[in-house]
Amino acid sequence: MFDDTSNSHETERHLRPALARGFRRKCPHCGAGPLLKGYLKLRTQCSVCGEDLSYARADDAPAYLTILIVGHLMAPFLHWGFVHYRPEPIVLAAVFCTACVGLSLYLLPRIKGMVVGFQWARRMHGF
């Protein structure tokens, strides 16, 4: 008879822990090994558990999500700062440009880790 013990019944992968591990830039499987080997370069394999990470395809999603988040966080602060303090335009531009760049540089690798964690948890792209 037909045996229904194929790969479709593998262990369930939970999304929330995978996203949290990705945000910490750790392997979505074990949470111990580093996910990135540089600022944004993904490792091909976890150095702790051996999970194959070569299937991850984050592409442009982390950049788009970073721009979306930073824009939505900084726009209200820009408005609030201008209305309450009325700084010179050059001061306002310098402060908020620096804050936007700093926040973007902080969030980009973390969001990339979350995208890889999402792909891993949902078994996308060959995971």
PDB file of N, CA and C in Angstrom:
ATOM      1  N   MET A   1       0.829  -1.178   0.000  1.00  0.00           N
ATOM      2  CA  MET A   1       0.000   0.000   0.000  1.00  0.00           C
ATOM      3  C   MET A   1       0.875   1.243   0.000  1.00  0.00           C
ATOM      4  N   PHE A   2       0.267   2.397  -0.213  1.00  0.00           N
ATOM      5  CA  PHE A   2       0.971   3.672  -0.275  1.00  0.00           C
ATOM      6  C   PHE A   2       1.354   4.125   1.129  1.00  0.00           C
ATOM      7  N   ASP A   3       2.616   4.428   1.329  1.00  0.00           N
ATOM      8  CA  ASP A   3       3.107   4.882   2.632  1.00  0.00           C
ATOM      9  C   ASP A   3       3.152   6.404   2.634  1.00  0.00           C
ATOM     10  N   ASP A   4       2.427   7.037   3.546  1.00  0.00           N
ATOM     11  CA  ASP A   4       2.334   8.494   3.579  1.00  0.00           C
ATOM     12  C   ASP A   4       3.281   9.094   4.618  1.00  0.00           C
ATOM     13  N   THR A   5       4.508   8.642   4.627  1.00  0.00           N
ATOM     14  CA  THR A   5       5.505   9.202   5.545  1.00  0.00           C
ATOM     15  C   THR A   5       6.568   9.955   4.770  1.00  0.00           C
ATOM     16  N   SER A   6       6.124  10.751   3.823  1.00  0.00           N
ATOM     17  CA  SER A   6       7.059  11.506   2.987  1.00  0.00           C
ATOM     18  C   SER A   6       7.504  12.773   3.715  1.00  0.00           C
ATOM     19  N   ASN A   7       8.217  13.622   3.014  1.00  0.00           N
ATOM     20  CA  ASN A   7       8.749  14.849   3.595  1.00  0.00           C
ATOM     21  C   ASN A   7       7.677  15.866   3.941  1.00  0.00           C
ATOM     22  N   SER A   8       6.429  15.651   3.529  1.00  0.00           N
ATOM     23  CA  SER A   8       5.386  16.619   3.820  1.00  0.00           C
ATOM     24  C   SER A   8       5.029  16.650   5.298  1.00  0.00           C
ATOM     25  N   HIS A   9       5.414  15.635   6.054  1.00  0.00           N
ATOM     26  CA  HIS A   9       5.095  15.588   7.474  1.00  0.00           C
ATOM     27  C   HIS A   9       6.337  15.783   8.342  1.00  0.00           C
ATOM     28  N   GLU A  10       7.266  16.585   7.874  1.00  0.00           N
ATOM     29  CA  GLU A  10       8.448  16.884   8.668  1.00  0.00           C
ATOM     30  C   GLU A  10       8.039  17.728   9.877  1.00  0.00           C
ATOM     31  N   THR A  11       8.967  17.931  10.773  1.00  0.00           N
ATOM     32  CA  THR A  11       8.659  18.705  11.968  1.00  0.00           C
ATOM     33  C   THR A  11       8.234  20.118  11.587  1.00  0.00           C
ATOM     34  N   GLU A  12       7.308  20.635  12.379  1.00  0.00           N
ATOM     35  CA  GLU A  12       6.791  21.976  12.130  1.00  0.00           C
ATOM     36  C   GLU A  12       7.839  23.017  12.500  1.00  0.00           C
ATOM     37  N   ARG A  13       7.932  24.047  11.687  1.00  0.00           N
ATOM     38  CA  ARG A  13       8.856  25.144  11.958  1.00  0.00           C
ATOM     39  C   ARG A  13       8.024  26.349  12.395  1.00  0.00           C
ATOM     40  N   HIS A  14       8.273  26.837  13.597  1.00  0.00           N
ATOM     41  CA  HIS A  14       7.498  27.943  14.139  1.00  0.00           C
ATOM     42  C   HIS A  14       8.048  29.274  13.641  1.00  0.00           C
ATOM     43  N   LEU A  15       7.140  30.160  13.273  1.00  0.00           N
ATOM     44  CA  LEU A  15       7.524  31.424  12.660  1.00  0.00           C
ATOM     45  C   LEU A  15       8.125  32.410  13.661  1.00  0.00           C
ATOM     46  N   ARG A  16       7.494  32.595  14.793  1.00  0.00           N
ATOM     47  CA  ARG A  16       7.946  33.614  15.741  1.00  0.00           C
ATOM     48  C   ARG A  16       9.380  33.404  16.229  1.00  0.00           C
ATOM     49  N   PRO A  17       9.766  32.194  16.642  1.00  0.00           N
ATOM     50  CA  PRO A  17      11.169  32.004  17.039  1.00  0.00           C
ATOM     51  C   PRO A  17      12.141  32.208  15.878  1.00  0.00           C
ATOM     52  N   ALA A  18      11.737  31.813  14.667  1.00  0.00           N
ATOM     53  CA  ALA A  18      12.613  32.008  13.510  1.00  0.00           C
ATOM     54  C   ALA A  18      12.820  33.486  13.224  1.00  0.00           C
ATOM     55  N   LEU A  19      11.773  34.294  13.367  1.00  0.00           N
ATOM     56  CA  LEU A  19      11.906  35.740  13.159  1.00  0.00           C
ATOM     57  C   LEU A  19      12.776  36.367  14.245  1.00  0.00           C
ATOM     58  N   ALA A  20      12.600  35.923  15.488  1.00  0.00           N
ATOM     59  CA  ALA A  20      13.412  36.463  16.586  1.00  0.00           C
ATOM     60  C   ALA A  20      14.883  36.104  16.411  1.00  0.00           C
ATOM     61  N   ARG A  21      15.152  34.874  16.005  1.00  0.00           N
ATOM     62  CA  ARG A  21      16.549  34.476  15.757  1.00  0.00           C
ATOM     63  C   ARG A  21      17.135  35.259  14.595  1.00  0.00           C
ATOM     64  N   GLY A  22      16.330  35.481  13.571  1.00  0.00           N
ATOM     65  CA  GLY A  22      16.794  36.274  12.431  1.00  0.00           C
ATOM     66  C   GLY A  22      17.114  37.700  12.832  1.00  0.00           C
ATOM     67  N   PHE A  23      16.274  38.291  13.684  1.00  0.00           N
ATOM     68  CA  PHE A  23      16.538  39.655  14.145  1.00  0.00           C
ATOM     69  C   PHE A  23      17.846  39.725  14.917  1.00  0.00           C
ATOM     70  N   ARG A  24      18.169  38.672  15.650  1.00  0.00           N
ATOM     71  CA  ARG A  24      19.444  38.621  16.376  1.00  0.00           C
ATOM     72  C   ARG A  24      20.603  38.214  15.469  1.00  0.00           C
ATOM     73  N   ARG A  25      20.314  37.998  14.179  1.00  0.00           N
ATOM     74  CA  ARG A  25      21.297  37.601  13.159  1.00  0.00           C
ATOM     75  C   ARG A  25      21.914  36.244  13.477  1.00  0.00           C
ATOM     76  N   LYS A  26      21.062  35.330  13.949  1.00  0.00           N
ATOM     77  CA  LYS A  26      21.469  33.963  14.262  1.00  0.00           C
ATOM     78  C   LYS A  26      20.766  32.995  13.321  1.00  0.00           C
ATOM     79  N   CYS A  27      21.248  31.784  13.275  1.00  0.00           N
ATOM     80  CA  CYS A  27      20.666  30.738  12.437  1.00  0.00           C
ATOM     81  C   CYS A  27      19.199  30.541  12.827  1.00  0.00           C
ATOM     82  N   PRO A  28      18.291  30.501  11.846  1.00  0.00           N
ATOM     83  CA  PRO A  28      16.877  30.326  12.184  1.00  0.00           C
ATOM     84  C   PRO A  28      16.548  28.938  12.731  1.00  0.00           C
ATOM     85  N   HIS A  29      17.431  27.975  12.516  1.00  0.00           N
ATOM     86  CA  HIS A  29      17.181  26.615  12.991  1.00  0.00           C
ATOM     87  C   HIS A  29      17.603  26.434  14.447  1.00  0.00           C
ATOM     88  N   CYS A  30      18.849  26.754  14.754  1.00  0.00           N
ATOM     89  CA  CYS A  30      19.362  26.495  16.105  1.00  0.00           C
ATOM     90  C   CYS A  30      19.430  27.747  16.976  1.00  0.00           C
ATOM     91  N   GLY A  31      19.546  28.915  16.373  1.00  0.00           N
ATOM     92  CA  GLY A  31      19.636  30.148  17.143  1.00  0.00           C
ATOM     93  C   GLY A  31      20.996  30.400  17.762  1.00  0.00           C
ATOM     94  N   ALA A  32      21.975  29.568  17.437  1.00  0.00           N
ATOM     95  CA  ALA A  32      23.301  29.715  18.043  1.00  0.00           C
ATOM     96  C   ALA A  32      24.347  30.198  17.043  1.00  0.00           C
ATOM     97  N   GLY A  33      24.320  29.669  15.848  1.00  0.00           N
ATOM     98  CA  GLY A  33      25.323  30.018  14.852  1.00  0.00           C
ATOM     99  C   GLY A  33      25.037  31.351  14.188  1.00  0.00           C
ATOM    100  N   PRO A  34      26.077  32.069  13.789  1.00  0.00           N
ATOM    101  CA  PRO A  34      25.868  33.348  13.117  1.00  0.00           C
ATOM    102  C   PRO A  34      25.270  33.147  11.724  1.00  0.00           C
ATOM    103  N   LEU A  35      24.334  34.017  11.364  1.00  0.00           N
ATOM    104  CA  LEU A  35      23.670  33.937  10.068  1.00  0.00           C
ATOM    105  C   LEU A  35      24.472  34.646   8.983  1.00  0.00           C
ATOM    106  N   LEU A  36      25.122  35.733   9.363  1.00  0.00           N
ATOM    107  CA  LEU A  36      25.858  36.551   8.396  1.00  0.00           C
ATOM    108  C   LEU A  36      27.360  36.417   8.628  1.00  0.00           C
ATOM    109  N   LYS A  37      28.120  36.471   7.548  1.00  0.00           N
ATOM    110  CA  LYS A  37      29.580  36.428   7.707  1.00  0.00           C
ATOM    111  C   LYS A  37      30.225  37.777   7.445  1.00  0.00           C
ATOM    112  N   GLY A  38      29.433  38.756   7.212  1.00  0.00           N
ATOM    113  CA  GLY A  38      29.867  40.129   7.063  1.00  0.00           C
ATOM    114  C   GLY A  38      28.703  41.014   7.482  1.00  0.00           C
ATOM    115  N   TYR A  39      28.629  42.180   6.885  1.00  0.00           N
ATOM    116  CA  TYR A  39      27.517  43.067   7.213  1.00  0.00           C
ATOM    117  C   TYR A  39      26.198  42.528   6.662  1.00  0.00           C
ATOM    118  N   LEU A  40      26.207  42.068   5.406  1.00  0.00           N
ATOM    119  CA  LEU A  40      24.992  41.536   4.793  1.00  0.00           C
ATOM    120  C   LEU A  40      25.185  40.209   4.074  1.00  0.00           C
ATOM    121  N   LYS A  41      26.377  39.668   4.048  1.00  0.00           N
ATOM    122  CA  LYS A  41      26.648  38.427   3.328  1.00  0.00           C
ATOM    123  C   LYS A  41      26.186  37.228   4.143  1.00  0.00           C
ATOM    124  N   LEU A  42      25.301  36.425   3.558  1.00  0.00           N
ATOM    125  CA  LEU A  42      24.800  35.233   4.240  1.00  0.00           C
ATOM    126  C   LEU A  42      25.813  34.107   4.199  1.00  0.00           C
ATOM    127  N   ARG A  43      25.864  33.346   5.249  1.00  0.00           N
ATOM    128  CA  ARG A  43      26.664  32.124   5.260  1.00  0.00           C
ATOM    129  C   ARG A  43      25.938  31.070   4.443  1.00  0.00           C
ATOM    130  N   THR A  44      26.682  30.150   3.861  1.00  0.00           N
ATOM    131  CA  THR A  44      26.044  29.083   3.101  1.00  0.00           C
ATOM    132  C   THR A  44      25.576  27.952   3.990  1.00  0.00           C
ATOM    133  N   GLN A  45      26.164  27.858   5.193  1.00  0.00           N
ATOM    134  CA  GLN A  45      25.820  26.787   6.115  1.00  0.00           C
ATOM    135  C   GLN A  45      26.059  27.278   7.541  1.00  0.00           C
ATOM    136  N   CYS A  46      25.183  26.864   8.463  1.00  0.00           N
ATOM    137  CA  CYS A  46      25.360  27.222   9.870  1.00  0.00           C
ATOM    138  C   CYS A  46      26.587  26.504  10.423  1.00  0.00           C
ATOM    139  N   SER A  47      27.425  27.231  11.138  1.00  0.00           N
ATOM    140  CA  SER A  47      28.647  26.635  11.688  1.00  0.00           C
ATOM    141  C   SER A  47      28.372  25.791  12.930  1.00  0.00           C
ATOM    142  N   VAL A  48      27.165  25.875  13.501  1.00  0.00           N
ATOM    143  CA  VAL A  48      26.842  25.113  14.703  1.00  0.00           C
ATOM    144  C   VAL A  48      26.028  23.868  14.376  1.00  0.00           C
ATOM    145  N   CYS A  49      24.884  24.055  13.692  1.00  0.00           N
ATOM    146  CA  CYS A  49      23.989  22.911  13.447  1.00  0.00           C
ATOM    147  C   CYS A  49      24.117  22.341  12.039  1.00  0.00           C
ATOM    148  N   GLY A  50      24.787  23.035  11.142  1.00  0.00           N
ATOM    149  CA  GLY A  50      24.967  22.537   9.787  1.00  0.00           C
ATOM    150  C   GLY A  50      23.798  22.781   8.854  1.00  0.00           C
ATOM    151  N   GLU A  51      22.806  23.589   9.265  1.00  0.00           N
ATOM    152  CA  GLU A  51      21.650  23.902   8.415  1.00  0.00           C
ATOM    153  C   GLU A  51      22.120  24.583   7.134  1.00  0.00           C
ATOM    154  N   ASP A  52      21.637  24.089   5.999  1.00  0.00           N
ATOM    155  CA  ASP A  52      22.002  24.650   4.705  1.00  0.00           C
ATOM    156  C   ASP A  52      21.241  25.955   4.495  1.00  0.00           C
ATOM    157  N   LEU A  53      21.948  27.072   4.444  1.00  0.00           N
ATOM    158  CA  LEU A  53      21.344  28.389   4.271  1.00  0.00           C
ATOM    159  C   LEU A  53      21.518  28.926   2.856  1.00  0.00           C
ATOM    160  N   SER A  54      22.042  28.109   1.962  1.00  0.00           N
ATOM    161  CA  SER A  54      22.302  28.575   0.604  1.00  0.00           C
ATOM    162  C   SER A  54      21.026  28.813  -0.190  1.00  0.00           C
ATOM    163  N   TYR A  55      19.891  28.323   0.307  1.00  0.00           N
ATOM    164  CA  TYR A  55      18.634  28.508  -0.412  1.00  0.00           C
ATOM    165  C   TYR A  55      17.998  29.869  -0.172  1.00  0.00           C
ATOM    166  N   ALA A  56      18.484  30.610   0.793  1.00  0.00           N
ATOM    167  CA  ALA A  56      17.876  31.894   1.146  1.00  0.00           C
ATOM    168  C   ALA A  56      18.041  32.897   0.009  1.00  0.00           C
ATOM    169  N   ARG A  57      16.958  33.570  -0.324  1.00  0.00           N
ATOM    170  CA  ARG A  57      16.958  34.599  -1.360  1.00  0.00           C
ATOM    171  C   ARG A  57      16.257  35.839  -0.824  1.00  0.00           C
ATOM    172  N   ALA A  58      16.970  36.674  -0.089  1.00  0.00           N
ATOM    173  CA  ALA A  58      16.365  37.865   0.495  1.00  0.00           C
ATOM    174  C   ALA A  58      16.206  38.964  -0.550  1.00  0.00           C
ATOM    175  N   ASP A  59      17.131  39.058  -1.496  1.00  0.00           N
ATOM    176  CA  ASP A  59      17.107  40.044  -2.577  1.00  0.00           C
ATOM    177  C   ASP A  59      16.867  41.457  -2.054  1.00  0.00           C
ATOM    178  N   ASP A  60      15.826  42.142  -2.543  1.00  0.00           N
ATOM    179  CA  ASP A  60      15.595  43.538  -2.187  1.00  0.00           C
ATOM    180  C   ASP A  60      14.609  43.733  -1.039  1.00  0.00           C
ATOM    181  N   ALA A  61      14.010  42.677  -0.534  1.00  0.00           N
ATOM    182  CA  ALA A  61      13.002  42.817   0.519  1.00  0.00           C
ATOM    183  C   ALA A  61      13.539  43.528   1.767  1.00  0.00           C
ATOM    184  N   PRO A  62      14.741  43.203   2.263  1.00  0.00           N
ATOM    185  CA  PRO A  62      15.225  43.917   3.459  1.00  0.00           C
ATOM    186  C   PRO A  62      15.385  45.415   3.233  1.00  0.00           C
ATOM    187  N   ALA A  63      15.847  45.808   2.067  1.00  0.00           N
ATOM    188  CA  ALA A  63      16.012  47.239   1.795  1.00  0.00           C
ATOM    189  C   ALA A  63      14.665  47.946   1.745  1.00  0.00           C
ATOM    190  N   TYR A  64      13.691  47.361   1.077  1.00  0.00           N
ATOM    191  CA  TYR A  64      12.360  47.964   1.008  1.00  0.00           C
ATOM    192  C   TYR A  64      11.728  48.062   2.390  1.00  0.00           C
ATOM    193  N   LEU A  65      11.827  47.005   3.174  1.00  0.00           N
ATOM    194  CA  LEU A  65      11.233  47.019   4.505  1.00  0.00           C
ATOM    195  C   LEU A  65      11.947  48.003   5.425  1.00  0.00           C
ATOM    196  N   THR A  66      13.258  48.121   5.290  1.00  0.00           N
ATOM    197  CA  THR A  66      14.005  49.084   6.094  1.00  0.00           C
ATOM    198  C   THR A  66      13.571  50.507   5.765  1.00  0.00           C
ATOM    199  N   ILE A  67      13.446  50.826   4.489  1.00  0.00           N
ATOM    200  CA  ILE A  67      12.996  52.161   4.087  1.00  0.00           C
ATOM    201  C   ILE A  67      11.594  52.432   4.619  1.00  0.00           C
ATOM    202  N   LEU A  68      10.726  51.435   4.527  1.00  0.00           N
ATOM    203  CA  LEU A  68       9.355  51.590   5.011  1.00  0.00           C
ATOM    204  C   LEU A  68       9.320  51.864   6.513  1.00  0.00           C
ATOM    205  N   ILE A  69      10.068  51.097   7.276  1.00  0.00           N
ATOM    206  CA  ILE A  69      10.070  51.250   8.734  1.00  0.00           C
ATOM    207  C   ILE A  69      10.717  52.566   9.149  1.00  0.00           C
ATOM    208  N   VAL A  70      11.871  52.876   8.585  1.00  0.00           N
ATOM    209  CA  VAL A  70      12.565  54.111   8.961  1.00  0.00           C
ATOM    210  C   VAL A  70      11.722  55.328   8.587  1.00  0.00           C
ATOM    211  N   GLY A  71      11.109  55.304   7.427  1.00  0.00           N
ATOM    212  CA  GLY A  71      10.252  56.421   7.024  1.00  0.00           C
ATOM    213  C   GLY A  71       9.080  56.615   7.960  1.00  0.00           C
ATOM    214  N   HIS A  72       8.449  55.508   8.343  1.00  0.00           N
ATOM    215  CA  HIS A  72       7.296  55.613   9.237  1.00  0.00           C
ATOM    216  C   HIS A  72       7.696  55.981  10.671  1.00  0.00           C
ATOM    217  N   LEU A  73       8.904  55.665  11.069  1.00  0.00           N
ATOM    218  CA  LEU A  73       9.355  56.059  12.403  1.00  0.00           C
ATOM    219  C   LEU A  73       9.845  57.509  12.440  1.00  0.00           C
ATOM    220  N   MET A  74      10.555  57.918  11.409  1.00  0.00           N
ATOM    221  CA  MET A  74      11.187  59.227  11.458  1.00  0.00           C
ATOM    222  C   MET A  74      10.254  60.368  11.061  1.00  0.00           C
ATOM    223  N   ALA A  75       9.271  60.129  10.218  1.00  0.00           N
ATOM    224  CA  ALA A  75       8.382  61.215   9.770  1.00  0.00           C
ATOM    225  C   ALA A  75       7.641  61.871  10.931  1.00  0.00           C
ATOM    226  N   PRO A  76       7.043  61.122  11.858  1.00  0.00           N
ATOM    227  CA  PRO A  76       6.379  61.808  12.986  1.00  0.00           C
ATOM    228  C   PRO A  76       7.354  62.580  13.875  1.00  0.00           C
ATOM    229  N   PHE A  77       8.548  62.038  14.074  1.00  0.00           N
ATOM    230  CA  PHE A  77       9.542  62.759  14.877  1.00  0.00           C
ATOM    231  C   PHE A  77      10.002  64.026  14.177  1.00  0.00           C
ATOM    232  N   LEU A  78      10.132  63.982  12.871  1.00  0.00           N
ATOM    233  CA  LEU A  78      10.500  65.172  12.112  1.00  0.00           C
ATOM    234  C   LEU A  78       9.432  66.243  12.281  1.00  0.00           C
ATOM    235  N   HIS A  79       8.190  65.867  12.154  1.00  0.00           N
ATOM    236  CA  HIS A  79       7.094  66.810  12.322  1.00  0.00           C
ATOM    237  C   HIS A  79       7.067  67.367  13.748  1.00  0.00           C
ATOM    238  N   TRP A  80       7.181  66.479  14.727  1.00  0.00           N
ATOM    239  CA  TRP A  80       7.158  66.903  16.122  1.00  0.00           C
ATOM    240  C   TRP A  80       8.322  67.854  16.429  1.00  0.00           C
ATOM    241  N   GLY A  81       9.521  67.495  15.979  1.00  0.00           N
ATOM    242  CA  GLY A  81      10.687  68.340  16.223  1.00  0.00           C
ATOM    243  C   GLY A  81      10.563  69.708  15.586  1.00  0.00           C
ATOM    244  N   PHE A  82       9.995  69.760  14.390  1.00  0.00           N
ATOM    245  CA  PHE A  82       9.844  71.045  13.716  1.00  0.00           C
ATOM    246  C   PHE A  82       8.785  71.904  14.401  1.00  0.00           C
ATOM    247  N   VAL A  83       7.672  71.313  14.776  1.00  0.00           N
ATOM    248  CA  VAL A  83       6.580  72.078  15.388  1.00  0.00           C
ATOM    249  C   VAL A  83       6.962  72.587  16.776  1.00  0.00           C
ATOM    250  N   HIS A  84       7.613  71.776  17.590  1.00  0.00           N
ATOM    251  CA  HIS A  84       7.897  72.170  18.967  1.00  0.00           C
ATOM    252  C   HIS A  84       9.150  73.020  19.125  1.00  0.00           C
ATOM    253  N   TYR A  85      10.158  72.819  18.299  1.00  0.00           N
ATOM    254  CA  TYR A  85      11.435  73.504  18.511  1.00  0.00           C
ATOM    255  C   TYR A  85      11.789  74.524  17.439  1.00  0.00           C
ATOM    256  N   ARG A  86      11.216  74.433  16.267  1.00  0.00           N
ATOM    257  CA  ARG A  86      11.487  75.344  15.144  1.00  0.00           C
ATOM    258  C   ARG A  86      12.989  75.573  14.922  1.00  0.00           C
ATOM    259  N   PRO A  87      13.762  74.482  14.732  1.00  0.00           N
ATOM    260  CA  PRO A  87      15.201  74.672  14.505  1.00  0.00           C
ATOM    261  C   PRO A  87      15.455  75.213  13.093  1.00  0.00           C
ATOM    262  N   GLU A  88      16.668  75.633  12.897  1.00  0.00           N
ATOM    263  CA  GLU A  88      17.075  76.060  11.565  1.00  0.00           C
ATOM    264  C   GLU A  88      16.959  74.871  10.609  1.00  0.00           C
ATOM    265  N   PRO A  89      16.641  75.095   9.353  1.00  0.00           N
ATOM    266  CA  PRO A  89      16.483  73.977   8.410  1.00  0.00           C
ATOM    267  C   PRO A  89      17.732  73.109   8.282  1.00  0.00           C
ATOM    268  N   ILE A  90      18.909  73.714   8.310  1.00  0.00           N
ATOM    269  CA  ILE A  90      20.134  72.925   8.164  1.00  0.00           C
ATOM    270  C   ILE A  90      20.349  72.030   9.382  1.00  0.00           C
ATOM    271  N   VAL A  91      19.989  72.511  10.569  1.00  0.00           N
ATOM    272  CA  VAL A  91      20.112  71.711  11.790  1.00  0.00           C
ATOM    273  C   VAL A  91      19.132  70.546  11.738  1.00  0.00           C
ATOM    274  N   LEU A  92      17.899  70.843  11.351  1.00  0.00           N
ATOM    275  CA  LEU A  92      16.881  69.806  11.237  1.00  0.00           C
ATOM    276  C   LEU A  92      17.297  68.741  10.220  1.00  0.00           C
ATOM    277  N   ALA A  93      17.792  69.179   9.080  1.00  0.00           N
ATOM    278  CA  ALA A  93      18.226  68.238   8.040  1.00  0.00           C
ATOM    279  C   ALA A  93      19.415  67.406   8.514  1.00  0.00           C
ATOM    280  N   ALA A  94      20.366  68.036   9.177  1.00  0.00           N
ATOM    281  CA  ALA A  94      21.552  67.304   9.645  1.00  0.00           C
ATOM    282  C   ALA A  94      21.175  66.261  10.692  1.00  0.00           C
ATOM    283  N   VAL A  95      20.340  66.631  11.629  1.00  0.00           N
ATOM    284  CA  VAL A  95      19.960  65.710  12.698  1.00  0.00           C
ATOM    285  C   VAL A  95      19.165  64.536  12.131  1.00  0.00           C
ATOM    286  N   PHE A  96      18.168  64.817  11.312  1.00  0.00           N
ATOM    287  CA  PHE A  96      17.318  63.741  10.835  1.00  0.00           C
ATOM    288  C   PHE A  96      17.956  62.904   9.736  1.00  0.00           C
ATOM    289  N   CYS A  97      18.826  63.488   8.947  1.00  0.00           N
ATOM    290  CA  CYS A  97      19.568  62.667   7.971  1.00  0.00           C
ATOM    291  C   CYS A  97      20.505  61.698   8.690  1.00  0.00           C
ATOM    292  N   THR A  98      21.184  62.183   9.712  1.00  0.00           N
ATOM    293  CA  THR A  98      22.062  61.320  10.493  1.00  0.00           C
ATOM    294  C   THR A  98      21.270  60.220  11.190  1.00  0.00           C
ATOM    295  N   ALA A  99      20.129  60.570  11.769  1.00  0.00           N
ATOM    296  CA  ALA A  99      19.292  59.583  12.446  1.00  0.00           C
ATOM    297  C   ALA A  99      18.748  58.550  11.459  1.00  0.00           C
ATOM    298  N   CYS A 100      18.350  58.980  10.285  1.00  0.00           N
ATOM    299  CA  CYS A 100      17.826  58.044   9.275  1.00  0.00           C
ATOM    300  C   CYS A 100      18.904  57.082   8.800  1.00  0.00           C
ATOM    301  N   VAL A 101      20.083  57.590   8.548  1.00  0.00           N
ATOM    302  CA  VAL A 101      21.179  56.724   8.107  1.00  0.00           C
ATOM    303  C   VAL A 101      21.570  55.750   9.212  1.00  0.00           C
ATOM    304  N   GLY A 102      21.688  56.235  10.434  1.00  0.00           N
ATOM    305  CA  GLY A 102      22.047  55.360  11.559  1.00  0.00           C
ATOM    306  C   GLY A 102      21.015  54.273  11.802  1.00  0.00           C
ATOM    307  N   LEU A 103      19.748  54.635  11.801  1.00  0.00           N
ATOM    308  CA  LEU A 103      18.689  53.649  12.007  1.00  0.00           C
ATOM    309  C   LEU A 103      18.641  52.653  10.857  1.00  0.00           C
ATOM    310  N   SER A 104      18.845  53.119   9.646  1.00  0.00           N
ATOM    311  CA  SER A 104      18.854  52.217   8.491  1.00  0.00           C
ATOM    312  C   SER A 104      19.997  51.218   8.570  1.00  0.00           C
ATOM    313  N   LEU A 105      21.184  51.689   8.941  1.00  0.00           N
ATOM    314  CA  LEU A 105      22.332  50.792   9.060  1.00  0.00           C
ATOM    315  C   LEU A 105      22.136  49.783  10.191  1.00  0.00           C
ATOM    316  N   TYR A 106      21.443  50.176  11.244  1.00  0.00           N
ATOM    317  CA  TYR A 106      21.168  49.255  12.341  1.00  0.00           C
ATOM    318  C   TYR A 106      20.140  48.199  11.925  1.00  0.00           C
ATOM    319  N   LEU A 107      19.080  48.613  11.256  1.00  0.00           N
ATOM    320  CA  LEU A 107      17.975  47.706  10.942  1.00  0.00           C
ATOM    321  C   LEU A 107      18.227  46.781   9.750  1.00  0.00           C
ATOM    322  N   LEU A 108      18.996  47.203   8.773  1.00  0.00           N
ATOM    323  CA  LEU A 108      19.130  46.435   7.531  1.00  0.00           C
ATOM    324  C   LEU A 108      19.585  44.989   7.739  1.00  0.00           C
ATOM    325  N   PRO A 109      20.670  44.699   8.468  1.00  0.00           N
ATOM    326  CA  PRO A 109      21.046  43.293   8.644  1.00  0.00           C
ATOM    327  C   PRO A 109      20.045  42.515   9.503  1.00  0.00           C
ATOM    328  N   ARG A 110      19.399  43.192  10.420  1.00  0.00           N
ATOM    329  CA  ARG A 110      18.414  42.514  11.269  1.00  0.00           C
ATOM    330  C   ARG A 110      17.162  42.145  10.480  1.00  0.00           C
ATOM    331  N   ILE A 111      16.737  43.035   9.617  1.00  0.00           N
ATOM    332  CA  ILE A 111      15.574  42.725   8.780  1.00  0.00           C
ATOM    333  C   ILE A 111      15.929  41.651   7.765  1.00  0.00           C
ATOM    334  N   LYS A 112      17.159  41.662   7.267  1.00  0.00           N
ATOM    335  CA  LYS A 112      17.576  40.590   6.369  1.00  0.00           C
ATOM    336  C   LYS A 112      17.536  39.248   7.087  1.00  0.00           C
ATOM    337  N   GLY A 113      17.979  39.215   8.336  1.00  0.00           N
ATOM    338  CA  GLY A 113      17.885  37.993   9.126  1.00  0.00           C
ATOM    339  C   GLY A 113      16.454  37.550   9.320  1.00  0.00           C
ATOM    340  N   MET A 114      15.548  38.495   9.520  1.00  0.00           N
ATOM    341  CA  MET A 114      14.134  38.153   9.683  1.00  0.00           C
ATOM    342  C   MET A 114      13.539  37.607   8.386  1.00  0.00           C
ATOM    343  N   VAL A 115      13.946  38.154   7.251  1.00  0.00           N
ATOM    344  CA  VAL A 115      13.455  37.646   5.960  1.00  0.00           C
ATOM    345  C   VAL A 115      13.941  36.216   5.749  1.00  0.00           C
ATOM    346  N   VAL A 116      15.193  35.952   6.074  1.00  0.00           N
ATOM    347  CA  VAL A 116      15.721  34.584   5.943  1.00  0.00           C
ATOM    348  C   VAL A 116      15.016  33.658   6.930  1.00  0.00           C
ATOM    349  N   GLY A 117      14.758  34.130   8.154  1.00  0.00           N
ATOM    350  CA  GLY A 117      14.027  33.334   9.127  1.00  0.00           C
ATOM    351  C   GLY A 117      12.615  33.027   8.667  1.00  0.00           C
ATOM    352  N   PHE A 118      11.965  33.995   8.039  1.00  0.00           N
ATOM    353  CA  PHE A 118      10.619  33.778   7.499  1.00  0.00           C
ATOM    354  C   PHE A 118      10.642  32.721   6.395  1.00  0.00           C
ATOM    355  N   GLN A 119      11.623  32.847   5.495  1.00  0.00           N
ATOM    356  CA  GLN A 119      11.743  31.869   4.410  1.00  0.00           C
ATOM    357  C   GLN A 119      12.018  30.473   4.961  1.00  0.00           C
ATOM    358  N   TRP A 120      12.862  30.389   5.977  1.00  0.00           N
ATOM    359  CA  TRP A 120      13.175  29.095   6.558  1.00  0.00           C
ATOM    360  C   TRP A 120      11.948  28.476   7.224  1.00  0.00           C
ATOM    361  N   ALA A 121      11.201  29.282   7.994  1.00  0.00           N
ATOM    362  CA  ALA A 121      10.038  28.773   8.714  1.00  0.00           C
ATOM    363  C   ALA A 121       8.932  28.335   7.764  1.00  0.00           C
ATOM    364  N   ARG A 122       8.794  28.999   6.626  1.00  0.00           N
ATOM    365  CA  ARG A 122       7.756  28.666   5.670  1.00  0.00           C
ATOM    366  C   ARG A 122       8.237  27.727   4.559  1.00  0.00           C
ATOM    367  N   ARG A 123       9.478  27.240   4.696  1.00  0.00           N
ATOM    368  CA  ARG A 123      10.070  26.322   3.725  1.00  0.00           C
ATOM    369  C   ARG A 123      10.042  26.867   2.297  1.00  0.00           C
ATOM    370  N   MET A 124      10.412  28.112   2.161  1.00  0.00           N
ATOM    371  CA  MET A 124      10.435  28.755   0.849  1.00  0.00           C
ATOM    372  C   MET A 124      11.793  28.559   0.191  1.00  0.00           C
ATOM    373  N   HIS A 125      11.832  28.569  -1.099  1.00  0.00           N
ATOM    374  CA  HIS A 125      13.057  28.524  -1.902  1.00  0.00           C
ATOM    375  C   HIS A 125      13.930  27.319  -1.611  1.00  0.00           C
ATOM    376  N   GLY A 126      13.350  26.192  -1.275  1.00  0.00           N
ATOM    377  CA  GLY A 126      14.114  24.974  -1.111  1.00  0.00           C
ATOM    378  C   GLY A 126      14.504  24.622   0.299  1.00  0.00           C
ATOM    379  N   PHE A 127      14.165  25.451   1.281  1.00  0.00           N
ATOM    380  CA  PHE A 127      14.475  25.108   2.673  1.00  0.00           C
ATOM    381  C   PHE A 127      13.705  23.871   3.072  1.00  0.00           C
TER     382      PHE A 127
END
